[in-house]
Amino acid sequence: MVYKRELTNRQEEIYELIKSMHDSGLGYRRIAKRLRDMNVKTARGSVFKNNNVFAVIKRYEERQVRLREERNRKYEHKWGKMYLTFERK
């Protein structure tokens, strides 16, 4: 079993903002500059740099793939050694 932590609303908003800028053709450096101009901070409270922008996009996509694979994973059944004991009272 894997713990599936949900993204917070703030994380979702930041991802959507970054993704929309990236889809419109901006590079990682320009996105980071715009986020700094908008005073948007990372989850740890520091300013965005181009590597942070790249990581947000990459990690989100990795997470989506991982969750999709987990949903479709089939597990084989394994039976352990079972035995029955009788006790007299």
PDB file of N, CA and C in Angstrom:
ATOM      1  N   MET A   1       0.830  -1.181   0.000  1.00  0.00           N
ATOM      2  CA  MET A   1       0.000   0.000   0.000  1.00  0.00           C
ATOM      3  C   MET A   1       0.875   1.246   0.000  1.00  0.00           C
ATOM      4  N   VAL A   2       0.435   2.240  -0.684  1.00  0.00           N
ATOM      5  CA  VAL A   2       1.176   3.488  -0.764  1.00  0.00           C
ATOM      6  C   VAL A   2       0.280   4.610  -0.277  1.00  0.00           C
ATOM      7  N   TYR A   3       0.832   5.457   0.568  1.00  0.00           N
ATOM      8  CA  TYR A   3       0.072   6.599   1.057  1.00  0.00           C
ATOM      9  C   TYR A   3      -0.105   7.603  -0.070  1.00  0.00           C
ATOM     10  N   LYS A   4      -1.336   7.987  -0.333  1.00  0.00           N
ATOM     11  CA  LYS A   4      -1.625   8.922  -1.427  1.00  0.00           C
ATOM     12  C   LYS A   4      -1.970  10.285  -0.836  1.00  0.00           C
ATOM     13  N   ARG A   5      -0.998  11.115  -0.725  1.00  0.00           N
ATOM     14  CA  ARG A   5      -1.234  12.447  -0.183  1.00  0.00           C
ATOM     15  C   ARG A   5      -1.840  13.319  -1.268  1.00  0.00           C
ATOM     16  N   GLU A   6      -2.907  13.985  -0.920  1.00  0.00           N
ATOM     17  CA  GLU A   6      -3.577  14.868  -1.864  1.00  0.00           C
ATOM     18  C   GLU A   6      -2.830  16.193  -1.939  1.00  0.00           C
ATOM     19  N   LEU A   7      -2.884  16.828  -3.101  1.00  0.00           N
ATOM     20  CA  LEU A   7      -2.283  18.144  -3.252  1.00  0.00           C
ATOM     21  C   LEU A   7      -3.174  19.182  -2.590  1.00  0.00           C
ATOM     22  N   THR A   8      -2.555  20.181  -1.994  1.00  0.00           N
ATOM     23  CA  THR A   8      -3.338  21.253  -1.385  1.00  0.00           C
ATOM     24  C   THR A   8      -3.878  22.160  -2.478  1.00  0.00           C
ATOM     25  N   ASN A   9      -4.839  22.987  -2.118  1.00  0.00           N
ATOM     26  CA  ASN A   9      -5.412  23.926  -3.088  1.00  0.00           C
ATOM     27  C   ASN A   9      -4.340  24.873  -3.611  1.00  0.00           C
ATOM     28  N   ARG A  10      -3.442  25.303  -2.730  1.00  0.00           N
ATOM     29  CA  ARG A  10      -2.372  26.221  -3.132  1.00  0.00           C
ATOM     30  C   ARG A  10      -1.451  25.562  -4.162  1.00  0.00           C
ATOM     31  N   GLN A  11      -1.095  24.294  -3.920  1.00  0.00           N
ATOM     32  CA  GLN A  11      -0.237  23.571  -4.857  1.00  0.00           C
ATOM     33  C   GLN A  11      -0.918  23.408  -6.213  1.00  0.00           C
ATOM     34  N   GLU A  12      -2.215  23.118  -6.196  1.00  0.00           N
ATOM     35  CA  GLU A  12      -2.957  22.985  -7.446  1.00  0.00           C
ATOM     36  C   GLU A  12      -2.988  24.314  -8.204  1.00  0.00           C
ATOM     37  N   GLU A  13      -3.224  25.414  -7.475  1.00  0.00           N
ATOM     38  CA  GLU A  13      -3.281  26.730  -8.113  1.00  0.00           C
ATOM     39  C   GLU A  13      -1.941  27.105  -8.732  1.00  0.00           C
ATOM     40  N   ILE A  14      -0.867  26.862  -8.004  1.00  0.00           N
ATOM     41  CA  ILE A  14       0.470  27.191  -8.517  1.00  0.00           C
ATOM     42  C   ILE A  14       0.779  26.339  -9.739  1.00  0.00           C
ATOM     43  N   TYR A  15       0.441  25.053  -9.677  1.00  0.00           N
ATOM     44  CA  TYR A  15       0.689  24.194 -10.838  1.00  0.00           C
ATOM     45  C   TYR A  15      -0.095  24.687 -12.047  1.00  0.00           C
ATOM     46  N   GLU A  16      -1.371  25.003 -11.860  1.00  0.00           N
ATOM     47  CA  GLU A  16      -2.198  25.473 -12.978  1.00  0.00           C
ATOM     48  C   GLU A  16      -1.640  26.769 -13.559  1.00  0.00           C
ATOM     49  N   LEU A  17      -1.173  27.664 -12.698  1.00  0.00           N
ATOM     50  CA  LEU A  17      -0.580  28.923 -13.147  1.00  0.00           C
ATOM     51  C   LEU A  17       0.681  28.662 -13.966  1.00  0.00           C
ATOM     52  N   ILE A  18       1.556  27.825 -13.438  1.00  0.00           N
ATOM     53  CA  ILE A  18       2.805  27.494 -14.135  1.00  0.00           C
ATOM     54  C   ILE A  18       2.509  26.788 -15.456  1.00  0.00           C
ATOM     55  N   LYS A  19       1.588  25.836 -15.434  1.00  0.00           N
ATOM     56  CA  LYS A  19       1.257  25.075 -16.639  1.00  0.00           C
ATOM     57  C   LYS A  19       0.662  25.985 -17.719  1.00  0.00           C
ATOM     58  N   SER A  20      -0.179  26.922 -17.332  1.00  0.00           N
ATOM     59  CA  SER A  20      -0.763  27.828 -18.329  1.00  0.00           C
ATOM     60  C   SER A  20       0.307  28.720 -18.946  1.00  0.00           C
ATOM     61  N   MET A  21       1.249  29.193 -18.127  1.00  0.00           N
ATOM     62  CA  MET A  21       2.347  30.008 -18.664  1.00  0.00           C
ATOM     63  C   MET A  21       3.224  29.173 -19.592  1.00  0.00           C
ATOM     64  N   HIS A  22       3.500  27.937 -19.197  1.00  0.00           N
ATOM     65  CA  HIS A  22       4.347  27.066 -20.002  1.00  0.00           C
ATOM     66  C   HIS A  22       3.666  26.721 -21.327  1.00  0.00           C
ATOM     67  N   ASP A  23       2.362  26.459 -21.273  1.00  0.00           N
ATOM     68  CA  ASP A  23       1.617  26.137 -22.493  1.00  0.00           C
ATOM     69  C   ASP A  23       1.531  27.321 -23.447  1.00  0.00           C
ATOM     70  N   SER A  24       1.599  28.547 -22.883  1.00  0.00           N
ATOM     71  CA  SER A  24       1.548  29.730 -23.740  1.00  0.00           C
ATOM     72  C   SER A  24       2.901  30.032 -24.389  1.00  0.00           C
ATOM     73  N   GLY A  25       3.934  29.233 -24.051  1.00  0.00           N
ATOM     74  CA  GLY A  25       5.213  29.370 -24.724  1.00  0.00           C
ATOM     75  C   GLY A  25       6.331  29.973 -23.906  1.00  0.00           C
ATOM     76  N   LEU A  26       6.087  30.281 -22.643  1.00  0.00           N
ATOM     77  CA  LEU A  26       7.149  30.844 -21.801  1.00  0.00           C
ATOM     78  C   LEU A  26       8.099  29.749 -21.340  1.00  0.00           C
ATOM     79  N   GLY A  27       9.362  30.112 -21.200  1.00  0.00           N
ATOM     80  CA  GLY A  27      10.361  29.188 -20.690  1.00  0.00           C
ATOM     81  C   GLY A  27      10.390  29.209 -19.174  1.00  0.00           C
ATOM     82  N   TYR A  28      11.185  28.314 -18.601  1.00  0.00           N
ATOM     83  CA  TYR A  28      11.250  28.184 -17.144  1.00  0.00           C
ATOM     84  C   TYR A  28      11.760  29.452 -16.467  1.00  0.00           C
ATOM     85  N   ARG A  29      12.747  30.098 -17.066  1.00  0.00           N
ATOM     86  CA  ARG A  29      13.302  31.316 -16.464  1.00  0.00           C
ATOM     87  C   ARG A  29      12.291  32.450 -16.449  1.00  0.00           C
ATOM     88  N   ARG A  30      11.571  32.608 -17.543  1.00  0.00           N
ATOM     89  CA  ARG A  30      10.575  33.686 -17.605  1.00  0.00           C
ATOM     90  C   ARG A  30       9.402  33.412 -16.669  1.00  0.00           C
ATOM     91  N   ILE A  31       9.022  32.163 -16.572  1.00  0.00           N
ATOM     92  CA  ILE A  31       7.948  31.813 -15.636  1.00  0.00           C
ATOM     93  C   ILE A  31       8.390  32.121 -14.211  1.00  0.00           C
ATOM     94  N   ALA A  32       9.617  31.735 -13.872  1.00  0.00           N
ATOM     95  CA  ALA A  32      10.141  32.000 -12.527  1.00  0.00           C
ATOM     96  C   ALA A  32      10.181  33.494 -12.255  1.00  0.00           C
ATOM     97  N   LYS A  33      10.588  34.293 -13.233  1.00  0.00           N
ATOM     98  CA  LYS A  33      10.629  35.744 -13.047  1.00  0.00           C
ATOM     99  C   LYS A  33       9.236  36.306 -12.810  1.00  0.00           C
ATOM    100  N   ARG A  34       8.269  35.821 -13.578  1.00  0.00           N
ATOM    101  CA  ARG A  34       6.888  36.300 -13.383  1.00  0.00           C
ATOM    102  C   ARG A  34       6.349  35.900 -12.016  1.00  0.00           C
ATOM    103  N   LEU A  35       6.665  34.703 -11.571  1.00  0.00           N
ATOM    104  CA  LEU A  35       6.218  34.277 -10.237  1.00  0.00           C
ATOM    105  C   LEU A  35       6.865  35.124  -9.148  1.00  0.00           C
ATOM    106  N   ARG A  36       8.137  35.458  -9.335  1.00  0.00           N
ATOM    107  CA  ARG A  36       8.805  36.339  -8.361  1.00  0.00           C
ATOM    108  C   ARG A  36       8.162  37.721  -8.372  1.00  0.00           C
ATOM    109  N   ASP A  37       7.828  38.223  -9.574  1.00  0.00           N
ATOM    110  CA  ASP A  37       7.170  39.535  -9.669  1.00  0.00           C
ATOM    111  C   ASP A  37       5.798  39.524  -9.010  1.00  0.00           C
ATOM    112  N   MET A  38       5.140  38.368  -9.034  1.00  0.00           N
ATOM    113  CA  MET A  38       3.814  38.232  -8.415  1.00  0.00           C
ATOM    114  C   MET A  38       3.917  37.887  -6.923  1.00  0.00           C
ATOM    115  N   ASN A  39       5.140  37.779  -6.397  1.00  0.00           N
ATOM    116  CA  ASN A  39       5.410  37.424  -4.999  1.00  0.00           C
ATOM    117  C   ASN A  39       4.852  36.055  -4.619  1.00  0.00           C
ATOM    118  N   VAL A  40       4.907  35.127  -5.549  1.00  0.00           N
ATOM    119  CA  VAL A  40       4.504  33.754  -5.262  1.00  0.00           C
ATOM    120  C   VAL A  40       5.730  33.020  -4.738  1.00  0.00           C
ATOM    121  N   LYS A  41       5.567  32.361  -3.605  1.00  0.00           N
ATOM    122  CA  LYS A  41       6.672  31.647  -2.973  1.00  0.00           C
ATOM    123  C   LYS A  41       6.518  30.145  -3.175  1.00  0.00           C
ATOM    124  N   THR A  42       7.627  29.431  -3.049  1.00  0.00           N
ATOM    125  CA  THR A  42       7.599  27.979  -3.117  1.00  0.00           C
ATOM    126  C   THR A  42       6.962  27.433  -1.847  1.00  0.00           C
ATOM    127  N   ALA A  43       6.808  26.126  -1.779  1.00  0.00           N
ATOM    128  CA  ALA A  43       6.201  25.494  -0.600  1.00  0.00           C
ATOM    129  C   ALA A  43       7.032  25.738   0.654  1.00  0.00           C
ATOM    130  N   ARG A  44       8.337  25.913   0.490  1.00  0.00           N
ATOM    131  CA  ARG A  44       9.212  26.156   1.638  1.00  0.00           C
ATOM    132  C   ARG A  44       9.430  27.638   1.923  1.00  0.00           C
ATOM    133  N   GLY A  45       8.782  28.494   1.142  1.00  0.00           N
ATOM    134  CA  GLY A  45       8.828  29.918   1.423  1.00  0.00           C
ATOM    135  C   GLY A  45       9.923  30.695   0.724  1.00  0.00           C
ATOM    136  N   SER A  46      10.627  30.091  -0.217  1.00  0.00           N
ATOM    137  CA  SER A  46      11.661  30.832  -0.937  1.00  0.00           C
ATOM    138  C   SER A  46      11.129  31.266  -2.296  1.00  0.00           C
ATOM    139  N   VAL A  47      11.916  32.058  -3.004  1.00  0.00           N
ATOM    140  CA  VAL A  47      11.485  32.559  -4.307  1.00  0.00           C
ATOM    141  C   VAL A  47      11.654  31.473  -5.363  1.00  0.00           C
ATOM    142  N   PHE A  48      10.855  31.568  -6.407  1.00  0.00           N
ATOM    143  CA  PHE A  48      10.929  30.591  -7.488  1.00  0.00           C
ATOM    144  C   PHE A  48      12.135  30.859  -8.369  1.00  0.00           C
ATOM    145  N   LYS A  49      12.805  29.781  -8.735  1.00  0.00           N
ATOM    146  CA  LYS A  49      13.890  29.819  -9.707  1.00  0.00           C
ATOM    147  C   LYS A  49      13.497  28.882 -10.840  1.00  0.00           C
ATOM    148  N   ASN A  50      14.246  28.917 -11.930  1.00  0.00           N
ATOM    149  CA  ASN A  50      13.865  28.102 -13.082  1.00  0.00           C
ATOM    150  C   ASN A  50      13.837  26.612 -12.764  1.00  0.00           C
ATOM    151  N   ASN A  51      14.730  26.139 -11.894  1.00  0.00           N
ATOM    152  CA  ASN A  51      14.721  24.717 -11.556  1.00  0.00           C
ATOM    153  C   ASN A  51      13.501  24.337 -10.721  1.00  0.00           C
ATOM    154  N   ASN A  52      12.975  25.281  -9.923  1.00  0.00           N
ATOM    155  CA  ASN A  52      11.751  25.015  -9.169  1.00  0.00           C
ATOM    156  C   ASN A  52      10.558  24.864 -10.105  1.00  0.00           C
ATOM    157  N   VAL A  53      10.505  25.704 -11.128  1.00  0.00           N
ATOM    158  CA  VAL A  53       9.418  25.640 -12.101  1.00  0.00           C
ATOM    159  C   VAL A  53       9.462  24.300 -12.832  1.00  0.00           C
ATOM    160  N   PHE A  54      10.646  23.912 -13.268  1.00  0.00           N
ATOM    161  CA  PHE A  54      10.809  22.627 -13.949  1.00  0.00           C
ATOM    162  C   PHE A  54      10.367  21.491 -13.046  1.00  0.00           C
ATOM    163  N   ALA A  55      10.762  21.537 -11.773  1.00  0.00           N
ATOM    164  CA  ALA A  55      10.438  20.466 -10.829  1.00  0.00           C
ATOM    165  C   ALA A  55       8.935  20.363 -10.597  1.00  0.00           C
ATOM    166  N   VAL A  56       8.249  21.496 -10.523  1.00  0.00           N
ATOM    167  CA  VAL A  56       6.801  21.475 -10.313  1.00  0.00           C
ATOM    168  C   VAL A  56       6.117  20.742 -11.466  1.00  0.00           C
ATOM    169  N   ILE A  57       6.490  21.070 -12.685  1.00  0.00           N
ATOM    170  CA  ILE A  57       5.880  20.427 -13.856  1.00  0.00           C
ATOM    171  C   ILE A  57       6.242  18.943 -13.899  1.00  0.00           C
ATOM    172  N   LYS A  58       7.516  18.642 -13.699  1.00  0.00           N
ATOM    173  CA  LYS A  58       7.978  17.259 -13.781  1.00  0.00           C
ATOM    174  C   LYS A  58       7.353  16.394 -12.696  1.00  0.00           C
ATOM    175  N   ARG A  59       7.359  16.859 -11.459  1.00  0.00           N
ATOM    176  CA  ARG A  59       6.832  16.063 -10.342  1.00  0.00           C
ATOM    177  C   ARG A  59       5.325  15.842 -10.475  1.00  0.00           C
ATOM    178  N   TYR A  60       4.607  16.844 -10.963  1.00  0.00           N
ATOM    179  CA  TYR A  60       3.169  16.685 -11.131  1.00  0.00           C
ATOM    180  C   TYR A  60       2.882  15.590 -12.158  1.00  0.00           C
ATOM    181  N   GLU A  61       3.597  15.624 -13.265  1.00  0.00           N
ATOM    182  CA  GLU A  61       3.384  14.611 -14.304  1.00  0.00           C
ATOM    183  C   GLU A  61       3.790  13.222 -13.815  1.00  0.00           C
ATOM    184  N   GLU A  62       4.886  13.133 -13.058  1.00  0.00           N
ATOM    185  CA  GLU A  62       5.303  11.849 -12.493  1.00  0.00           C
ATOM    186  C   GLU A  62       4.242  11.311 -11.537  1.00  0.00           C
ATOM    187  N   ARG A  63       3.670  12.204 -10.756  1.00  0.00           N
ATOM    188  CA  ARG A  63       2.637  11.818  -9.797  1.00  0.00           C
ATOM    189  C   ARG A  63       1.409  11.280 -10.517  1.00  0.00           C
ATOM    190  N   GLN A  64       1.018  11.937 -11.600  1.00  0.00           N
ATOM    191  CA  GLN A  64      -0.143  11.490 -12.353  1.00  0.00           C
ATOM    192  C   GLN A  64       0.085  10.086 -12.933  1.00  0.00           C
ATOM    193  N   VAL A  65       1.272   9.845 -13.469  1.00  0.00           N
ATOM    194  CA  VAL A  65       1.591   8.527 -14.025  1.00  0.00           C
ATOM    195  C   VAL A  65       1.568   7.476 -12.928  1.00  0.00           C
ATOM    196  N   ARG A  66       2.169   7.796 -11.783  1.00  0.00           N
ATOM    197  CA  ARG A  66       2.224   6.850 -10.663  1.00  0.00           C
ATOM    198  C   ARG A  66       0.824   6.498 -10.168  1.00  0.00           C
ATOM    199  N   LEU A  67      -0.043   7.505 -10.034  1.00  0.00           N
ATOM    200  CA  LEU A  67      -1.398   7.245  -9.565  1.00  0.00           C
ATOM    201  C   LEU A  67      -2.189   6.433 -10.587  1.00  0.00           C
ATOM    202  N   ARG A  68      -1.997   6.721 -11.862  1.00  0.00           N
ATOM    203  CA  ARG A  68      -2.684   5.981 -12.919  1.00  0.00           C
ATOM    204  C   ARG A  68      -2.263   4.512 -12.898  1.00  0.00           C
ATOM    205  N   GLU A  69      -0.955   4.258 -12.725  1.00  0.00           N
ATOM    206  CA  GLU A  69      -0.462   2.884 -12.677  1.00  0.00           C
ATOM    207  C   GLU A  69      -0.977   2.152 -11.445  1.00  0.00           C
ATOM    208  N   GLU A  70      -1.072   2.842 -10.316  1.00  0.00           N
ATOM    209  CA  GLU A  70      -1.570   2.216  -9.095  1.00  0.00           C
ATOM    210  C   GLU A  70      -3.013   1.789  -9.244  1.00  0.00           C
ATOM    211  N   ARG A  71      -3.811   2.613  -9.896  1.00  0.00           N
ATOM    212  CA  ARG A  71      -5.223   2.291 -10.065  1.00  0.00           C
ATOM    213  C   ARG A  71      -5.419   1.042 -10.924  1.00  0.00           C
ATOM    214  N   ASN A  72      -4.541   0.832 -11.881  1.00  0.00           N
ATOM    215  CA  ASN A  72      -4.701  -0.276 -12.814  1.00  0.00           C
ATOM    216  C   ASN A  72      -3.865  -1.499 -12.459  1.00  0.00           C
ATOM    217  N   ARG A  73      -3.153  -1.462 -11.357  1.00  0.00           N
ATOM    218  CA  ARG A  73      -2.275  -2.568 -10.986  1.00  0.00           C
ATOM    219  C   ARG A  73      -3.092  -3.772 -10.534  1.00  0.00           C
ATOM    220  N   LYS A  74      -2.702  -4.941 -11.010  1.00  0.00           N
ATOM    221  CA  LYS A  74      -3.330  -6.197 -10.602  1.00  0.00           C
ATOM    222  C   LYS A  74      -2.352  -6.952  -9.718  1.00  0.00           C
ATOM    223  N   TYR A  75      -2.851  -7.451  -8.628  1.00  0.00           N
ATOM    224  CA  TYR A  75      -2.015  -8.205  -7.701  1.00  0.00           C
ATOM    225  C   TYR A  75      -2.368  -9.688  -7.802  1.00  0.00           C
ATOM    226  N   GLU A  76      -1.351 -10.535  -7.777  1.00  0.00           N
ATOM    227  CA  GLU A  76      -1.616 -11.971  -7.795  1.00  0.00           C
ATOM    228  C   GLU A  76      -1.939 -12.434  -6.379  1.00  0.00           C
ATOM    229  N   HIS A  77      -2.763 -13.443  -6.317  1.00  0.00           N
ATOM    230  CA  HIS A  77      -3.168 -13.961  -5.019  1.00  0.00           C
ATOM    231  C   HIS A  77      -2.106 -14.919  -4.504  1.00  0.00           C
ATOM    232  N   LYS A  78      -1.785 -14.791  -3.253  1.00  0.00           N
ATOM    233  CA  LYS A  78      -0.837 -15.708  -2.626  1.00  0.00           C
ATOM    234  C   LYS A  78      -1.471 -16.240  -1.346  1.00  0.00           C
ATOM    235  N   TRP A  79      -1.423 -17.531  -1.221  1.00  0.00           N
ATOM    236  CA  TRP A  79      -1.941 -18.161  -0.027  1.00  0.00           C
ATOM    237  C   TRP A  79      -0.771 -18.611   0.832  1.00  0.00           C
ATOM    238  N   GLY A  80      -0.858 -18.290   2.093  1.00  0.00           N
ATOM    239  CA  GLY A  80       0.169 -18.738   3.013  1.00  0.00           C
ATOM    240  C   GLY A  80      -0.138 -20.135   3.513  1.00  0.00           C
ATOM    241  N   LYS A  81       0.733 -20.656   4.349  1.00  0.00           N
ATOM    242  CA  LYS A  81       0.502 -21.989   4.917  1.00  0.00           C
ATOM    243  C   LYS A  81      -0.575 -21.865   5.985  1.00  0.00           C
ATOM    244  N   MET A  82      -1.619 -22.623   5.782  1.00  0.00           N
ATOM    245  CA  MET A  82      -2.727 -22.596   6.746  1.00  0.00           C
ATOM    246  C   MET A  82      -2.826 -23.943   7.422  1.00  0.00           C
ATOM    247  N   TYR A  83      -3.167 -23.945   8.664  1.00  0.00           N
ATOM    248  CA  TYR A  83      -3.347 -25.217   9.366  1.00  0.00           C
ATOM    249  C   TYR A  83      -4.443 -25.053  10.399  1.00  0.00           C
ATOM    250  N   LEU A  84      -4.963 -26.169  10.796  1.00  0.00           N
ATOM    251  CA  LEU A  84      -6.077 -26.231  11.721  1.00  0.00           C
ATOM    252  C   LEU A  84      -5.643 -27.003  12.958  1.00  0.00           C
ATOM    253  N   THR A  85      -5.931 -26.486  14.095  1.00  0.00           N
ATOM    254  CA  THR A  85      -5.621 -27.207  15.322  1.00  0.00           C
ATOM    255  C   THR A  85      -6.891 -27.384  16.132  1.00  0.00           C
ATOM    256  N   PHE A  86      -6.977 -28.504  16.828  1.00  0.00           N
ATOM    257  CA  PHE A  86      -8.107 -28.784  17.692  1.00  0.00           C
ATOM    258  C   PHE A  86      -7.611 -28.835  19.117  1.00  0.00           C
ATOM    259  N   GLU A  87      -8.310 -28.197  19.999  1.00  0.00           N
ATOM    260  CA  GLU A  87      -7.937 -28.222  21.405  1.00  0.00           C
ATOM    261  C   GLU A  87      -9.071 -28.808  22.217  1.00  0.00           C
ATOM    262  N   ARG A  88      -8.714 -29.606  23.177  1.00  0.00           N
ATOM    263  CA  ARG A  88      -9.725 -30.184  24.070  1.00  0.00           C
ATOM    264  C   ARG A  88      -9.919 -29.285  25.255  1.00  0.00           C
ATOM    265  N   LYS A  89     -11.149 -29.212  25.671  1.00  0.00           N
ATOM    266  CA  LYS A  89     -11.440 -28.419  26.870  1.00  0.00           C
ATOM    267  C   LYS A  89     -11.845 -29.296  28.006  1.00  0.00           C
TER     268      LYS A  89
END
